[in-house]
Amino acid sequence: MGVSTHSLEEAQRAQEEGADFITLGPIYETSSKVGYGPPLGLDILRAVRRRIKIPVLALGGIRKERIPEVLDAGADGIALISAILLAEDPRRSAIDLINELNRGREGRRK
């Protein structure tokens, strides 16, 4: 079971309550997450990653060029909407995002 979180405290609670993974966000500004407050930023992502043992997916304002920095900050993966649904070619965008994610994961293993 995945749980959507918006702070370190919520992430810790989700893990304690048995979540298999969490989404954390919004990391960056995005129109789809305005109701959740200002962007959390990469420092919160790093803090959550240091304290949480379950997978953490970065969410909110994730675009292809931001994937390396969210992975470097400790995200295990990404969750997104706009980068695909608002793309001129959603299929191409999804493929490009997956390729960038895979490149970033490979770089972390080296």
C-alpha atoms as a PDB file:
ATOM      1  CA  MET A   1       0.000   0.000   0.000  1.00  0.00           C
ATOM      2  CA  GLY A   2       1.324   3.419  -0.954  1.00  0.00           C
ATOM      3  CA  VAL A   3       0.691   6.573   1.036  1.00  0.00           C
ATOM      4  CA  SER A   4       0.853  10.166  -0.195  1.00  0.00           C
ATOM      5  CA  THR A   5       2.886  12.328   2.216  1.00  0.00           C
ATOM      6  CA  HIS A   6       3.749  16.006   2.438  1.00  0.00           C
ATOM      7  CA  SER A   7       6.220  16.188   5.344  1.00  0.00           C
ATOM      8  CA  LEU A   8       8.804  14.175   7.252  1.00  0.00           C
ATOM      9  CA  GLU A   9       6.277  13.581  10.011  1.00  0.00           C
ATOM     10  CA  GLU A  10       3.685  12.175   7.596  1.00  0.00           C
ATOM     11  CA  ALA A  11       6.339   9.980   5.975  1.00  0.00           C
ATOM     12  CA  GLN A  12       7.398   8.571   9.340  1.00  0.00           C
ATOM     13  CA  ARG A  13       3.770   7.939  10.326  1.00  0.00           C
ATOM     14  CA  ALA A  14       3.076   6.163   7.021  1.00  0.00           C
ATOM     15  CA  GLN A  15       6.076   3.888   7.525  1.00  0.00           C
ATOM     16  CA  GLU A  16       5.090   3.137  11.141  1.00  0.00           C
ATOM     17  CA  GLU A  17       1.562   2.281   9.986  1.00  0.00           C
ATOM     18  CA  GLY A  18       2.839  -0.257   7.466  1.00  0.00           C
ATOM     19  CA  ALA A  19       3.038   1.550   4.128  1.00  0.00           C
ATOM     20  CA  ASP A  20       4.998  -0.310   1.443  1.00  0.00           C
ATOM     21  CA  PHE A  21       6.102   2.971  -0.176  1.00  0.00           C
ATOM     22  CA  ILE A  22       5.362   6.684  -0.030  1.00  0.00           C
ATOM     23  CA  THR A  23       5.050   9.537  -2.453  1.00  0.00           C
ATOM     24  CA  LEU A  24       6.495  12.781  -1.144  1.00  0.00           C
ATOM     25  CA  GLY A  25       5.514  16.115  -2.548  1.00  0.00           C
ATOM     26  CA  PRO A  26       5.113  18.460  -4.042  1.00  0.00           C
ATOM     27  CA  ILE A  27       8.867  18.661  -4.483  1.00  0.00           C
ATOM     28  CA  TYR A  28       8.597  21.483  -7.047  1.00  0.00           C
ATOM     29  CA  GLU A  29       5.872  23.964  -7.859  1.00  0.00           C
ATOM     30  CA  THR A  30       3.041  22.462  -9.865  1.00  0.00           C
ATOM     31  CA  SER A  31      -0.511  23.550 -10.602  1.00  0.00           C
ATOM     32  CA  SER A  32      -1.891  20.104  -9.738  1.00  0.00           C
ATOM     33  CA  LYS A  33      -0.652  20.272  -6.117  1.00  0.00           C
ATOM     34  CA  VAL A  34      -1.328  23.913  -5.153  1.00  0.00           C
ATOM     35  CA  GLY A  35      -3.705  22.801  -2.400  1.00  0.00           C
ATOM     36  CA  TYR A  36      -0.879  21.025  -0.572  1.00  0.00           C
ATOM     37  CA  GLY A  37       1.091  24.174   0.086  1.00  0.00           C
ATOM     38  CA  PRO A  38       4.432  25.441  -1.181  1.00  0.00           C
ATOM     39  CA  PRO A  39       6.949  23.080  -2.772  1.00  0.00           C
ATOM     40  CA  LEU A  40       8.916  21.011  -0.262  1.00  0.00           C
ATOM     41  CA  GLY A  41      12.192  21.076  -2.159  1.00  0.00           C
ATOM     42  CA  LEU A  42      15.091  18.677  -2.283  1.00  0.00           C
ATOM     43  CA  ASP A  43      16.254  19.218   1.314  1.00  0.00           C
ATOM     44  CA  ILE A  44      13.050  17.672   2.681  1.00  0.00           C
ATOM     45  CA  LEU A  45      13.448  14.793   0.246  1.00  0.00           C
ATOM     46  CA  ARG A  46      16.986  14.215   1.566  1.00  0.00           C
ATOM     47  CA  ALA A  47      15.783  14.349   5.180  1.00  0.00           C
ATOM     48  CA  VAL A  48      12.983  11.873   4.493  1.00  0.00           C
ATOM     49  CA  ARG A  49      15.343   9.524   2.664  1.00  0.00           C
ATOM     50  CA  ARG A  50      17.736   9.494   5.667  1.00  0.00           C
ATOM     51  CA  ARG A  51      14.941   8.465   8.047  1.00  0.00           C
ATOM     52  CA  ILE A  52      12.644   6.272   5.966  1.00  0.00           C
ATOM     53  CA  LYS A  53      13.491   2.688   5.025  1.00  0.00           C
ATOM     54  CA  ILE A  54      10.655   2.097   2.538  1.00  0.00           C
ATOM     55  CA  PRO A  55      10.817   3.401  -1.050  1.00  0.00           C
ATOM     56  CA  VAL A  56      10.240   7.141  -1.533  1.00  0.00           C
ATOM     57  CA  LEU A  57       8.817   8.443  -4.817  1.00  0.00           C
ATOM     58  CA  ALA A  58       9.253  12.149  -5.587  1.00  0.00           C
ATOM     59  CA  LEU A  59       6.039  13.829  -6.744  1.00  0.00           C
ATOM     60  CA  GLY A  60       5.101  17.286  -7.924  1.00  0.00           C
ATOM     61  CA  GLY A  61       6.615  19.271 -10.756  1.00  0.00           C
ATOM     62  CA  ILE A  62       8.777  16.367 -11.896  1.00  0.00           C
ATOM     63  CA  ARG A  63      10.073  16.864 -15.427  1.00  0.00           C
ATOM     64  CA  LYS A  64      12.709  14.993 -17.384  1.00  0.00           C
ATOM     65  CA  GLU A  65      15.497  17.453 -16.583  1.00  0.00           C
ATOM     66  CA  ARG A  66      14.745  17.219 -12.840  1.00  0.00           C
ATOM     67  CA  ILE A  67      15.025  13.433 -12.614  1.00  0.00           C
ATOM     68  CA  PRO A  68      18.809  13.374 -11.946  1.00  0.00           C
ATOM     69  CA  GLU A  69      18.525  15.807  -9.036  1.00  0.00           C
ATOM     70  CA  VAL A  70      15.612  14.008  -7.347  1.00  0.00           C
ATOM     71  CA  LEU A  71      17.488  10.709  -7.660  1.00  0.00           C
ATOM     72  CA  ASP A  72      20.639  12.351  -6.272  1.00  0.00           C
ATOM     73  CA  ALA A  73      18.542  13.630  -3.355  1.00  0.00           C
ATOM     74  CA  GLY A  74      17.552  10.043  -2.578  1.00  0.00           C
ATOM     75  CA  ALA A  75      14.283   9.364  -4.385  1.00  0.00           C
ATOM     76  CA  ASP A  76      13.801   5.738  -5.342  1.00  0.00           C
ATOM     77  CA  GLY A  77      11.555   6.761  -8.193  1.00  0.00           C
ATOM     78  CA  ILE A  78       9.153   9.391  -9.438  1.00  0.00           C
ATOM     79  CA  ALA A  79       5.433   9.937  -9.765  1.00  0.00           C
ATOM     80  CA  LEU A  80       4.062  12.494 -12.191  1.00  0.00           C
ATOM     81  CA  ILE A  81       1.098  13.605 -14.202  1.00  0.00           C
ATOM     82  CA  SER A  82       1.710  16.785 -16.196  1.00  0.00           C
ATOM     83  CA  ALA A  83       4.946  15.705 -17.869  1.00  0.00           C
ATOM     84  CA  ILE A  84       2.958  13.063 -19.746  1.00  0.00           C
ATOM     85  CA  LEU A  85      -0.623  14.320 -19.952  1.00  0.00           C
ATOM     86  CA  LEU A  86       0.306  17.825 -21.090  1.00  0.00           C
ATOM     87  CA  ALA A  87       2.992  16.685 -23.527  1.00  0.00           C
ATOM     88  CA  GLU A  88       2.538  17.174 -27.238  1.00  0.00           C
ATOM     89  CA  ASP A  89       3.366  13.480 -27.679  1.00  0.00           C
ATOM     90  CA  PRO A  90       2.506  11.683 -24.407  1.00  0.00           C
ATOM     91  CA  ARG A  91       3.883   8.339 -25.588  1.00  0.00           C
ATOM     92  CA  ARG A  92       7.243   9.876 -26.554  1.00  0.00           C
ATOM     93  CA  SER A  93       7.318  11.809 -23.284  1.00  0.00           C
ATOM     94  CA  ALA A  94       6.693   8.649 -21.251  1.00  0.00           C
ATOM     95  CA  ILE A  95       9.477   6.821 -23.088  1.00  0.00           C
ATOM     96  CA  ASP A  96      11.886   9.738 -22.577  1.00  0.00           C
ATOM     97  CA  LEU A  97      11.041   9.904 -18.865  1.00  0.00           C
ATOM     98  CA  ILE A  98      11.587   6.176 -18.413  1.00  0.00           C
ATOM     99  CA  ASN A  99      14.900   6.355 -20.258  1.00  0.00           C
ATOM    100  CA  GLU A 100      16.067   9.277 -18.098  1.00  0.00           C
ATOM    101  CA  LEU A 101      14.993   7.447 -14.950  1.00  0.00           C
ATOM    102  CA  ASN A 102      16.898   4.340 -16.014  1.00  0.00           C
ATOM    103  CA  ARG A 103      20.017   6.421 -16.844  1.00  0.00           C
ATOM    104  CA  GLY A 104      19.834   8.041 -13.426  1.00  0.00           C
ATOM    105  CA  ARG A 105      19.486   4.713 -11.651  1.00  0.00           C
ATOM    106  CA  GLU A 106      22.415   3.267 -13.586  1.00  0.00           C
ATOM    107  CA  GLY A 107      24.527   6.284 -12.622  1.00  0.00           C
ATOM    108  CA  ARG A 108      23.717   5.745  -8.941  1.00  0.00           C
ATOM    109  CA  ARG A 109      24.914   2.128  -9.076  1.00  0.00           C
ATOM    110  CA  LYS A 110      28.368   3.088 -10.326  1.00  0.00           C
END
